[in-house]
Amino acid sequence: MTDFEPVLKAVVPAAGLGTRFLPATKATPKEMLPIVDKPAIQYVVEEAVAAGLNDVLMITGRSKRSIEDHFDRAYELEEALQAKGDDARLDAVRESADLAIMHYVRQGEPRGLGHAVHCARQHVGNEPFAVLLGDDMIDARDALLTRMIDVRRRHGGSVVALMEVPEDQVSAYGCAAIEDTGEDDVVRITDLVEKPPAGEAPSNWIIIGRYVCDPAVFDVLEKTPPGRGGEIQLTDALRTLADMPVEDGGTVYGVKFRGRRYDTGNKLEYLRTVVQFASERPDLAGDFMPWLREFVAKHDQ
């Protein structure tokens, strides 16, 4: 079988209002909240680059200029650090500006993830592309996106990342009806349901925030009516693609992910993520872990 065209571009929707983190997100984008000392959005861009995607389109909105500033040069700051001889911090500041070729487009109104992805059409053109949601962080040691791109290269169509969760959590996510393909971690998607009522989910495999999309998704999104929450859902468009032939850009595969995922979409999971990252930092763990054990021990009494 001839390989399908390569995936070279990444799209990162980052236009949400971040209401779960108010008042912190009144003036600061949720995507810029730090995981220890690096904003969450930088980890997402790093993941795209590690998978070979150094052309990154950020879908932003009003009050998101600090995201653009973060991935730009900061000459005055760099000069000040250079004058101090602070090479470590200078390298850290320059790192984000040198990560990828960054592009930006605004989503004029919050009409859902499907609408945000459709905003990427002019930039992406007729090429397959990856979508990375900022609320989901995948551990750098687990090459999920690379695996998804490989599945797309061999099979065509679109690919979603799936993760198994307990039955009582399924209704908080989009989930998939699946069938085996003969590969341990790859399944064919036969149906997708956005946040199904308890007890009505087709499986315990939920969609997490990584997608590799065939460009046919743009035509489908253009015709997709608002769905759950009155928003245009990417899940609805992928359901349509799942029933289309591969030669028309259809079929959807799922990669079963059993690695390390961090959810920064709500306060509790965000705090857990910060603690986990701090616990594994060589420069922090030596002092942080003894304090954390002592703190937990006191509160267990």
Protein backbone atom coordinates (compact mmCIF):
# COMPACT_ATOMS: atom_id res chain seq x y z
CA MET A 1 0.00 0.00 0.00
CA THR A 2 1.28 3.47 -0.89
CA ASP A 3 1.83 5.71 2.09
CA PHE A 4 -0.60 8.59 2.49
CA GLU A 5 0.69 12.17 2.45
CA PRO A 6 2.73 13.21 5.51
CA VAL A 7 1.41 15.28 8.40
CA LEU A 8 3.46 18.46 8.72
CA LYS A 9 1.21 21.00 10.45
CA ALA A 10 -0.29 21.28 13.92
CA VAL A 11 -3.35 23.26 15.00
CA VAL A 12 -3.73 24.27 18.65
CA PRO A 13 -7.13 25.73 19.62
CA ALA A 14 -6.58 28.26 22.41
CA ALA A 15 -9.53 30.64 22.20
CA GLY A 16 -11.50 29.47 25.24
CA LEU A 17 -12.50 31.86 28.02
CA GLY A 18 -11.06 29.74 30.84
CA THR A 19 -14.06 30.37 33.10
CA ARG A 20 -13.20 27.44 35.40
CA PHE A 21 -10.10 29.32 36.55
CA LEU A 22 -11.60 32.74 37.20
CA PRO A 23 -10.52 35.19 38.50
CA ALA A 24 -6.98 34.11 37.52
CA THR A 25 -7.99 33.99 33.85
CA LYS A 26 -9.69 37.40 33.79
CA ALA A 27 -6.56 38.93 32.25
CA THR A 28 -4.29 35.89 31.80
CA PRO A 29 -5.11 33.16 29.27
CA LYS A 30 -5.69 29.79 30.90
CA GLU A 31 -3.14 28.35 28.49
CA MET A 32 -0.50 30.56 30.09
CA LEU A 33 -1.00 29.24 33.62
CA PRO A 34 2.33 27.73 34.66
CA ILE A 35 3.15 24.09 35.24
CA VAL A 36 5.86 24.93 37.80
CA ASP A 37 7.71 27.53 35.67
CA LYS A 38 6.60 26.86 32.10
CA PRO A 39 3.14 27.67 30.70
CA ALA A 40 0.98 24.68 29.82
CA ILE A 41 0.72 25.75 26.18
CA GLN A 42 4.48 25.44 25.71
CA TYR A 43 4.39 21.75 26.64
CA VAL A 44 1.75 21.25 23.93
CA VAL A 45 3.85 23.00 21.27
CA GLU A 46 6.89 20.99 22.37
CA GLU A 47 4.89 17.80 21.85
CA ALA A 48 3.98 18.84 18.31
CA VAL A 49 7.61 19.63 17.51
CA ALA A 50 8.80 16.32 18.96
CA ALA A 51 6.44 14.57 16.52
CA GLY A 52 8.01 16.44 13.59
CA LEU A 53 5.43 19.23 13.32
CA ASN A 54 7.26 22.55 13.48
CA ASP A 55 4.53 24.51 11.64
CA VAL A 56 2.07 25.40 14.38
CA LEU A 57 -1.13 27.41 14.00
CA MET A 58 -2.58 28.77 17.23
CA ILE A 59 -6.33 29.54 17.20
CA THR A 60 -6.65 32.42 19.64
CA GLY A 61 -9.21 35.00 20.72
CA ARG A 62 -9.39 38.39 22.35
CA SER A 63 -7.14 38.90 25.39
CA LYS A 64 -4.74 36.17 24.22
CA ARG A 65 -1.86 38.38 23.10
CA SER A 66 0.38 37.07 25.86
CA ILE A 67 0.46 33.69 24.08
CA GLU A 68 1.92 35.36 21.00
CA ASP A 69 4.35 37.32 23.14
CA HIS A 70 5.52 34.14 24.87
CA PHE A 71 6.53 32.52 21.59
CA ASP A 72 8.20 35.72 20.35
CA ARG A 73 11.60 37.20 21.17
CA ALA A 74 11.90 39.41 24.27
CA TYR A 75 14.96 41.46 23.41
CA GLU A 76 15.02 43.74 26.46
CA LEU A 77 14.71 40.76 28.82
CA GLU A 78 17.33 38.81 26.91
CA GLU A 79 19.75 41.73 27.03
CA ALA A 80 19.24 42.10 30.77
CA LEU A 81 19.87 38.40 31.39
CA GLN A 82 22.88 38.43 29.10
CA ALA A 83 24.34 41.43 30.95
CA LYS A 84 23.98 39.50 34.22
CA GLY A 85 25.61 36.42 32.75
CA ASP A 86 22.47 34.42 33.59
CA ASP A 87 22.85 31.91 30.78
CA ALA A 88 20.40 29.35 32.17
CA ARG A 89 17.46 31.76 32.28
CA LEU A 90 18.52 33.31 28.97
CA ASP A 91 18.34 29.90 27.31
CA ALA A 92 14.94 29.24 28.87
CA VAL A 93 13.57 32.56 27.59
CA ARG A 94 14.90 31.98 24.09
CA GLU A 95 13.70 28.38 23.96
CA SER A 96 10.03 29.20 23.41
CA ALA A 97 10.82 31.65 20.60
CA ASP A 98 12.94 29.08 18.76
CA LEU A 99 10.60 26.09 19.16
CA ALA A 100 8.55 26.26 15.97
CA ILE A 101 7.29 28.43 13.15
CA MET A 102 4.26 29.95 14.86
CA HIS A 103 1.15 31.32 13.14
CA TYR A 104 -1.97 32.84 14.66
CA VAL A 105 -5.58 33.31 13.66
CA ARG A 106 -8.47 34.53 15.79
CA GLN A 107 -11.70 32.70 16.36
CA GLY A 108 -14.08 35.64 16.28
CA GLU A 109 -16.72 34.06 18.50
CA PRO A 110 -16.78 30.97 20.74
CA ARG A 111 -18.76 28.53 18.58
CA GLY A 112 -17.12 25.28 19.64
CA LEU A 113 -14.10 23.15 18.87
CA GLY A 114 -15.36 22.26 15.41
CA HIS A 115 -15.62 25.94 14.50
CA ALA A 116 -12.14 26.61 15.92
CA VAL A 117 -10.67 23.82 13.78
CA HIS A 118 -12.47 25.18 10.71
CA CYS A 119 -10.69 28.52 11.29
CA ALA A 120 -7.49 26.70 10.32
CA ARG A 121 -8.68 25.89 6.80
CA GLN A 122 -6.87 28.63 4.93
CA HIS A 123 -3.56 27.88 6.65
CA VAL A 124 -3.77 24.10 6.43
CA GLY A 125 -5.10 23.90 2.87
CA ASN A 126 -5.53 20.42 1.45
CA GLU A 127 -3.12 18.69 3.83
CA PRO A 128 -3.67 16.37 6.78
CA PHE A 129 -2.97 18.03 10.12
CA ALA A 130 -2.82 17.35 13.84
CA VAL A 131 -5.03 19.03 16.45
CA LEU A 132 -3.70 19.32 20.00
CA LEU A 133 -5.94 20.60 22.78
CA GLY A 134 -4.19 22.61 25.47
CA ASP A 135 -6.15 21.06 28.35
CA ASP A 136 -4.54 17.68 27.68
CA MET A 137 -0.83 17.24 28.24
CA ILE A 138 0.84 14.00 27.18
CA ASP A 139 4.06 13.01 28.90
CA ALA A 140 7.05 13.63 26.67
CA ARG A 141 8.17 10.03 27.29
CA ASP A 142 5.00 8.70 25.62
CA ALA A 143 5.07 9.35 21.86
CA LEU A 144 1.29 9.29 21.31
CA LEU A 145 1.19 11.85 18.51
CA THR A 146 4.01 10.13 16.64
CA ARG A 147 2.07 6.87 16.78
CA MET A 148 -1.11 8.56 15.53
CA ILE A 149 0.74 10.12 12.60
CA ASP A 150 2.14 6.71 11.72
CA VAL A 151 -1.37 5.20 11.70
CA ARG A 152 -2.56 8.01 9.41
CA ARG A 153 0.43 7.46 7.08
CA ARG A 154 -0.35 3.77 6.69
CA HIS A 155 -4.16 3.79 6.67
CA GLY A 156 -5.28 7.28 5.66
CA GLY A 157 -8.43 8.82 7.10
CA SER A 158 -8.45 10.55 10.47
CA VAL A 159 -7.11 9.31 13.80
CA VAL A 160 -8.25 10.08 17.34
CA ALA A 161 -6.56 9.31 20.65
CA LEU A 162 -8.56 7.08 22.99
CA MET A 163 -8.15 6.40 26.69
CA GLU A 164 -10.09 3.93 28.83
CA VAL A 165 -11.82 5.38 31.91
CA PRO A 166 -14.18 4.02 34.57
CA GLU A 167 -17.82 3.84 33.50
CA ASP A 168 -18.91 6.64 35.84
CA GLN A 169 -16.56 9.11 34.06
CA VAL A 170 -17.59 8.45 30.46
CA SER A 171 -20.45 10.96 30.40
CA ALA A 172 -17.98 13.84 30.84
CA TYR A 173 -16.30 13.13 27.51
CA GLY A 174 -16.88 12.16 23.91
CA CYS A 175 -16.59 8.41 23.56
CA ALA A 176 -16.24 5.90 20.75
CA ALA A 177 -17.80 2.68 19.48
CA ILE A 178 -14.88 0.62 18.22
CA GLU A 179 -13.97 -2.53 16.35
CA ASP A 180 -10.65 -4.38 16.22
CA THR A 181 -8.19 -4.01 13.36
CA GLY A 182 -5.74 -6.73 14.32
CA GLU A 183 -3.29 -4.24 15.84
CA ASP A 184 -3.21 -4.18 19.62
CA ASP A 185 -3.49 -0.41 20.01
CA VAL A 186 -5.38 0.52 16.82
CA VAL A 187 -9.15 0.28 16.36
CA ARG A 188 -11.65 1.37 13.74
CA ILE A 189 -14.18 3.94 14.95
CA THR A 190 -17.77 3.05 14.04
CA ASP A 191 -19.54 5.76 16.04
CA LEU A 192 -18.76 8.75 18.25
CA VAL A 193 -21.00 10.17 20.95
CA GLU A 194 -20.39 13.52 22.67
CA LYS A 195 -20.94 13.29 26.46
CA PRO A 196 -23.47 10.42 26.46
CA PRO A 197 -25.91 10.06 29.38
CA ALA A 198 -24.81 7.65 32.09
CA GLY A 199 -25.35 4.05 31.02
CA GLU A 200 -25.71 4.87 27.31
CA ALA A 201 -22.07 5.06 26.25
CA PRO A 202 -20.99 2.63 23.50
CA SER A 203 -17.71 1.90 25.33
CA ASN A 204 -15.42 3.11 28.10
CA TRP A 205 -12.94 4.50 25.54
CA ILE A 206 -13.06 8.29 25.59
CA ILE A 207 -11.56 10.74 23.12
CA ILE A 208 -8.70 12.74 24.58
CA GLY A 209 -7.34 15.94 23.09
CA ARG A 210 -5.24 14.63 20.20
CA TYR A 211 -6.50 14.25 16.63
CA VAL A 212 -4.96 13.75 13.21
CA CYS A 213 -7.48 14.96 10.65
CA ASP A 214 -7.86 14.43 6.95
CA PRO A 215 -8.52 17.77 5.20
CA ALA A 216 -11.94 16.41 4.21
CA VAL A 217 -12.98 17.42 7.73
CA PHE A 218 -13.22 21.06 6.59
CA ASP A 219 -16.01 20.42 4.10
CA VAL A 220 -17.84 18.35 6.69
CA LEU A 221 -17.47 21.02 9.38
CA GLU A 222 -18.87 23.60 6.98
CA LYS A 223 -22.11 21.61 6.84
CA THR A 224 -22.19 20.45 10.46
CA PRO A 225 -24.99 22.13 12.44
CA PRO A 226 -24.52 23.16 16.08
CA GLY A 227 -24.74 20.16 18.36
CA ARG A 228 -24.42 19.69 22.10
CA GLY A 229 -24.28 23.04 23.91
CA GLY A 230 -25.27 24.88 20.75
CA GLU A 231 -21.69 24.59 19.47
CA ILE A 232 -20.19 23.04 16.34
CA GLN A 233 -18.63 19.82 17.59
CA LEU A 234 -15.57 18.23 16.02
CA THR A 235 -16.94 14.91 17.28
CA ASP A 236 -20.01 15.30 15.03
CA ALA A 237 -17.83 15.93 11.98
CA LEU A 238 -15.66 12.91 12.74
CA ARG A 239 -18.78 10.76 13.05
CA THR A 240 -19.68 11.77 9.50
CA LEU A 241 -16.16 10.99 8.28
CA ALA A 242 -16.32 7.55 9.92
CA ASP A 243 -19.08 6.58 7.45
CA MET A 244 -17.27 7.92 4.36
CA PRO A 245 -14.87 5.89 2.17
CA VAL A 246 -11.16 6.44 2.65
CA GLU A 247 -10.73 7.66 -0.94
CA ASP A 248 -13.00 10.59 -0.04
CA GLY A 249 -11.04 11.38 3.14
CA GLY A 250 -13.26 9.21 5.29
CA THR A 251 -12.78 6.46 7.90
CA VAL A 252 -11.63 7.19 11.43
CA TYR A 253 -9.18 5.14 13.47
CA GLY A 254 -8.43 5.27 17.16
CA VAL A 255 -5.12 4.76 18.95
CA LYS A 256 -5.58 3.28 22.41
CA PHE A 257 -3.35 5.30 24.71
CA ARG A 258 -2.19 3.66 27.93
CA GLY A 259 0.49 6.16 28.86
CA ARG A 260 0.73 9.26 31.05
CA ARG A 261 -1.79 12.03 30.46
CA TYR A 262 -2.24 15.21 32.50
CA ASP A 263 -5.54 17.08 32.50
CA THR A 264 -5.23 20.82 33.16
CA GLY A 265 -8.84 21.66 32.31
CA ASN A 266 -10.06 22.00 35.90
CA LYS A 267 -8.53 23.22 39.15
CA LEU A 268 -8.14 19.86 40.89
CA GLU A 269 -6.45 18.15 37.93
CA TYR A 270 -4.31 21.23 37.33
CA LEU A 271 -3.02 21.09 40.90
CA ARG A 272 -2.30 17.38 40.57
CA THR A 273 -0.35 18.07 37.40
CA VAL A 274 1.77 20.77 39.02
CA VAL A 275 2.59 18.47 41.96
CA GLN A 276 3.49 15.58 39.65
CA PHE A 277 5.79 17.74 37.53
CA ALA A 278 7.44 19.31 40.58
CA SER A 279 7.97 15.85 42.08
CA GLU A 280 9.95 14.77 39.01
CA ARG A 281 12.06 17.90 38.61
CA PRO A 282 15.68 17.15 39.60
CA ASP A 283 16.15 20.75 40.75
CA LEU A 284 13.07 20.69 43.01
CA ALA A 285 12.30 17.12 44.07
CA GLY A 286 15.05 16.91 46.69
CA ASP A 287 13.46 19.69 48.77
CA PHE A 288 9.87 19.42 47.59
CA MET A 289 9.23 15.72 48.23
CA PRO A 290 10.25 15.69 51.92
CA TRP A 291 8.09 18.77 52.49
CA LEU A 292 5.17 17.16 50.64
CA ARG A 293 5.43 13.94 52.67
CA GLU A 294 5.50 15.94 55.90
CA PHE A 295 2.56 18.07 54.80
CA VAL A 296 0.47 15.03 53.86
CA ALA A 297 1.39 13.23 57.09
CA LYS A 298 0.20 16.18 59.18
CA HIS A 299 -3.12 16.32 57.33
CA ASP A 300 -3.63 12.56 57.67
CA GLN A 301 -3.56 12.76 61.44
